[in-house]
Amino acid sequence: MGRSAAADISRHLIAQGLDPKTPVLIACDISLACERCLRTRLDLLPLAVQAVTEGKPTLILIGEAVRQDEPVSALKVAAKADR
C-alpha cells in the first residue's frame, strides 16, 4: 500500500506544513540478501519509490529519525554486535 500511496502521502504531508526536505527512508525486501535502502526527501518520495521498489515489499519511513550520514544495514549492525 505504501508504494501506491507514496504520491498522496507526500502531497498531503507537505500540504499540512511538513518541510518538503524532510528525510525519507525507503526500504525494500528488508532482512533479505537483496535488501535495498534509499534515503531521499519528502518532495522526491513519489519518484524515488517508483525508481527503487520494483513492486517489492516496501517500508517508507518519514521524519528526522531517519536522517543519517551513512546508511546502516542490518548486516552492519550485526557485525558490530559480534565484536
N, C-alpha and C. Protein backbone atom coordinates (compact mmCIF):
# COMPACT_ATOMS: atom_id res chain seq x y z
N MET A 1 0.81 -1.19 0.00
CA MET A 1 0.00 0.00 0.00
C MET A 1 0.86 1.26 0.00
N GLY A 2 1.96 1.27 0.72
CA GLY A 2 2.81 2.45 0.80
C GLY A 2 3.33 2.88 -0.56
N ARG A 3 3.70 1.89 -1.37
CA ARG A 3 4.20 2.23 -2.72
C ARG A 3 3.16 2.99 -3.51
N SER A 4 1.95 2.46 -3.55
CA SER A 4 0.90 3.07 -4.37
C SER A 4 0.40 4.39 -3.78
N ALA A 5 0.58 4.59 -2.50
CA ALA A 5 0.10 5.82 -1.85
C ALA A 5 1.19 6.87 -1.67
N ALA A 6 2.40 6.59 -2.13
CA ALA A 6 3.53 7.49 -1.88
C ALA A 6 3.27 8.92 -2.34
N ALA A 7 2.71 9.10 -3.52
CA ALA A 7 2.45 10.45 -4.03
C ALA A 7 1.42 11.16 -3.16
N ASP A 8 0.37 10.46 -2.76
CA ASP A 8 -0.65 11.06 -1.90
C ASP A 8 -0.10 11.39 -0.53
N ILE A 9 0.72 10.49 0.01
CA ILE A 9 1.33 10.73 1.32
C ILE A 9 2.20 11.97 1.27
N SER A 10 3.06 12.05 0.27
CA SER A 10 3.96 13.20 0.13
C SER A 10 3.17 14.50 -0.02
N ARG A 11 2.23 14.51 -0.92
CA ARG A 11 1.42 15.70 -1.19
C ARG A 11 0.66 16.14 0.06
N HIS A 12 0.05 15.19 0.75
CA HIS A 12 -0.74 15.52 1.95
C HIS A 12 0.14 16.08 3.07
N LEU A 13 1.27 15.43 3.33
CA LEU A 13 2.14 15.89 4.42
C LEU A 13 2.71 17.28 4.13
N ILE A 14 3.08 17.53 2.89
CA ILE A 14 3.59 18.85 2.52
C ILE A 14 2.48 19.90 2.63
N ALA A 15 1.28 19.55 2.20
CA ALA A 15 0.14 20.47 2.30
C ALA A 15 -0.19 20.80 3.75
N GLN A 16 0.10 19.86 4.66
CA GLN A 16 -0.16 20.08 6.08
C GLN A 16 1.00 20.80 6.78
N GLY A 17 2.02 21.18 6.01
CA GLY A 17 3.09 22.00 6.57
C GLY A 17 4.42 21.31 6.81
N LEU A 18 4.53 20.02 6.51
CA LEU A 18 5.82 19.35 6.70
C LEU A 18 6.79 19.84 5.63
N ASP A 19 8.01 20.10 6.02
CA ASP A 19 9.03 20.60 5.11
C ASP A 19 9.25 19.61 3.97
N PRO A 20 9.23 20.07 2.72
CA PRO A 20 9.48 19.17 1.59
C PRO A 20 10.84 18.49 1.66
N LYS A 21 11.77 19.06 2.41
CA LYS A 21 13.11 18.47 2.54
C LYS A 21 13.20 17.48 3.70
N THR A 22 12.08 17.14 4.30
CA THR A 22 12.06 16.16 5.39
C THR A 22 12.66 14.85 4.90
N PRO A 23 13.56 14.24 5.69
CA PRO A 23 14.19 12.99 5.27
C PRO A 23 13.19 11.83 5.18
N VAL A 24 13.44 10.97 4.20
CA VAL A 24 12.62 9.78 3.98
C VAL A 24 13.56 8.60 3.74
N LEU A 25 13.22 7.47 4.30
CA LEU A 25 13.95 6.23 4.04
C LEU A 25 12.97 5.26 3.38
N ILE A 26 13.36 4.76 2.22
CA ILE A 26 12.59 3.75 1.51
C ILE A 26 13.39 2.45 1.61
N ALA A 27 12.77 1.41 2.13
CA ALA A 27 13.47 0.13 2.30
C ALA A 27 12.65 -0.99 1.67
N CYS A 28 13.30 -1.80 0.85
CA CYS A 28 12.64 -2.91 0.15
C CYS A 28 13.29 -4.23 0.54
N ASP A 29 12.49 -5.27 0.60
CA ASP A 29 12.98 -6.61 0.88
C ASP A 29 13.84 -6.67 2.14
N ILE A 30 13.36 -6.05 3.18
CA ILE A 30 14.10 -5.99 4.45
C ILE A 30 14.39 -7.40 4.95
N SER A 31 15.58 -7.59 5.45
CA SER A 31 16.11 -8.83 6.03
C SER A 31 16.50 -9.87 4.98
N LEU A 32 16.39 -9.54 3.72
CA LEU A 32 16.81 -10.46 2.66
C LEU A 32 18.17 -10.02 2.12
N ALA A 33 18.86 -10.92 1.48
CA ALA A 33 20.17 -10.58 0.90
C ALA A 33 20.06 -9.47 -0.15
N CYS A 34 18.91 -9.37 -0.79
CA CYS A 34 18.71 -8.35 -1.82
C CYS A 34 18.11 -7.05 -1.26
N GLU A 35 18.18 -6.86 0.06
CA GLU A 35 17.65 -5.66 0.71
C GLU A 35 18.18 -4.40 0.04
N ARG A 36 17.27 -3.44 -0.18
CA ARG A 36 17.66 -2.16 -0.77
C ARG A 36 17.10 -1.03 0.06
N CYS A 37 17.94 -0.02 0.32
CA CYS A 37 17.51 1.15 1.06
C CYS A 37 17.91 2.40 0.29
N LEU A 38 17.05 3.39 0.32
CA LEU A 38 17.34 4.66 -0.32
C LEU A 38 16.88 5.78 0.58
N ARG A 39 17.75 6.72 0.80
CA ARG A 39 17.39 7.92 1.55
C ARG A 39 17.10 9.02 0.54
N THR A 40 16.01 9.74 0.79
CA THR A 40 15.60 10.81 -0.11
C THR A 40 14.89 11.87 0.71
N ARG A 41 14.15 12.74 0.02
CA ARG A 41 13.39 13.79 0.68
C ARG A 41 11.91 13.56 0.42
N LEU A 42 11.09 14.16 1.25
CA LEU A 42 9.64 14.00 1.13
C LEU A 42 9.13 14.44 -0.24
N ASP A 43 9.64 15.54 -0.77
CA ASP A 43 9.14 16.01 -2.06
C ASP A 43 9.56 15.10 -3.21
N LEU A 44 10.55 14.28 -3.01
CA LEU A 44 11.01 13.35 -4.05
C LEU A 44 10.49 11.92 -3.84
N LEU A 45 9.72 11.72 -2.79
CA LEU A 45 9.22 10.38 -2.45
C LEU A 45 8.51 9.66 -3.61
N PRO A 46 7.58 10.29 -4.29
CA PRO A 46 6.88 9.55 -5.37
C PRO A 46 7.84 9.04 -6.45
N LEU A 47 8.76 9.87 -6.86
CA LEU A 47 9.72 9.49 -7.89
C LEU A 47 10.66 8.39 -7.38
N ALA A 48 11.15 8.55 -6.17
CA ALA A 48 12.09 7.58 -5.59
C ALA A 48 11.45 6.21 -5.41
N VAL A 49 10.21 6.18 -4.96
CA VAL A 49 9.51 4.90 -4.77
C VAL A 49 9.39 4.16 -6.10
N GLN A 50 9.03 4.87 -7.15
CA GLN A 50 8.91 4.23 -8.46
C GLN A 50 10.25 3.69 -8.94
N ALA A 51 11.32 4.42 -8.66
CA ALA A 51 12.65 4.03 -9.15
C ALA A 51 13.24 2.85 -8.40
N VAL A 52 12.89 2.69 -7.14
CA VAL A 52 13.59 1.72 -6.28
C VAL A 52 12.81 0.46 -5.98
N THR A 53 11.53 0.53 -5.83
CA THR A 53 10.79 -0.59 -5.24
C THR A 53 10.50 -1.76 -6.17
N GLU A 54 10.34 -1.52 -7.44
CA GLU A 54 10.09 -2.59 -8.40
C GLU A 54 8.97 -3.53 -7.96
N GLY A 55 7.95 -3.00 -7.30
CA GLY A 55 6.83 -3.81 -6.87
C GLY A 55 7.09 -4.72 -5.69
N LYS A 56 8.23 -4.53 -5.03
CA LYS A 56 8.61 -5.40 -3.90
C LYS A 56 8.02 -4.87 -2.59
N PRO A 57 7.97 -5.72 -1.55
CA PRO A 57 7.52 -5.25 -0.24
C PRO A 57 8.38 -4.06 0.19
N THR A 58 7.70 -2.98 0.58
CA THR A 58 8.38 -1.72 0.82
C THR A 58 7.95 -1.09 2.13
N LEU A 59 8.92 -0.55 2.84
CA LEU A 59 8.69 0.20 4.07
C LEU A 59 9.10 1.63 3.81
N ILE A 60 8.24 2.59 4.15
CA ILE A 60 8.56 4.00 3.97
C ILE A 60 8.55 4.66 5.35
N LEU A 61 9.68 5.23 5.72
CA LEU A 61 9.81 5.93 7.00
C LEU A 61 10.05 7.40 6.70
N ILE A 62 9.35 8.28 7.41
CA ILE A 62 9.43 9.71 7.15
C ILE A 62 9.71 10.44 8.45
N GLY A 63 10.71 11.32 8.44
CA GLY A 63 10.98 12.16 9.60
C GLY A 63 12.45 12.24 9.94
N GLU A 64 12.76 13.11 10.87
CA GLU A 64 14.15 13.37 11.27
C GLU A 64 14.85 12.13 11.82
N ALA A 65 14.09 11.19 12.33
CA ALA A 65 14.69 9.98 12.89
C ALA A 65 15.45 9.17 11.84
N VAL A 66 15.12 9.35 10.57
CA VAL A 66 15.81 8.58 9.53
C VAL A 66 16.93 9.37 8.86
N ARG A 67 17.17 10.60 9.32
CA ARG A 67 18.29 11.38 8.77
C ARG A 67 19.58 10.75 9.27
N GLN A 68 20.48 10.47 8.33
CA GLN A 68 21.74 9.83 8.69
C GLN A 68 22.75 10.09 7.60
N ASP A 69 24.00 10.26 7.99
CA ASP A 69 25.05 10.49 7.01
C ASP A 69 25.42 9.22 6.27
N GLU A 70 25.43 8.11 6.98
CA GLU A 70 25.84 6.84 6.39
C GLU A 70 24.72 5.82 6.58
N PRO A 71 24.28 5.18 5.51
CA PRO A 71 23.24 4.17 5.65
C PRO A 71 23.68 3.03 6.56
N VAL A 72 22.77 2.52 7.34
CA VAL A 72 23.06 1.40 8.23
C VAL A 72 22.21 0.22 7.80
N SER A 73 22.84 -0.87 7.48
CA SER A 73 22.08 -2.07 7.13
C SER A 73 22.07 -3.01 8.32
N ALA A 74 21.19 -3.98 8.28
CA ALA A 74 21.12 -4.97 9.36
C ALA A 74 22.44 -5.73 9.46
N LEU A 75 23.12 -5.94 8.36
CA LEU A 75 24.39 -6.65 8.39
C LEU A 75 25.46 -5.86 9.12
N LYS A 76 25.49 -4.53 8.93
CA LYS A 76 26.46 -3.71 9.64
C LYS A 76 26.18 -3.72 11.14
N VAL A 77 24.93 -3.66 11.51
CA VAL A 77 24.56 -3.69 12.93
C VAL A 77 24.96 -5.03 13.53
N ALA A 78 24.69 -6.13 12.83
CA ALA A 78 25.03 -7.45 13.33
C ALA A 78 26.55 -7.60 13.45
N ALA A 79 27.31 -7.07 12.51
CA ALA A 79 28.77 -7.17 12.56
C ALA A 79 29.31 -6.43 13.77
N LYS A 80 28.74 -5.26 14.09
CA LYS A 80 29.18 -4.52 15.25
C LYS A 80 28.86 -5.26 16.54
N ALA A 81 27.73 -5.94 16.57
CA ALA A 81 27.31 -6.67 17.77
C ALA A 81 28.22 -7.86 18.05
N ASP A 82 28.82 -8.42 17.01
CA ASP A 82 29.71 -9.58 17.15
C ASP A 82 31.08 -9.20 17.69
N ARG A 83 31.42 -7.94 17.65
CA ARG A 83 32.76 -7.51 18.09
C ARG A 83 32.93 -7.53 19.59
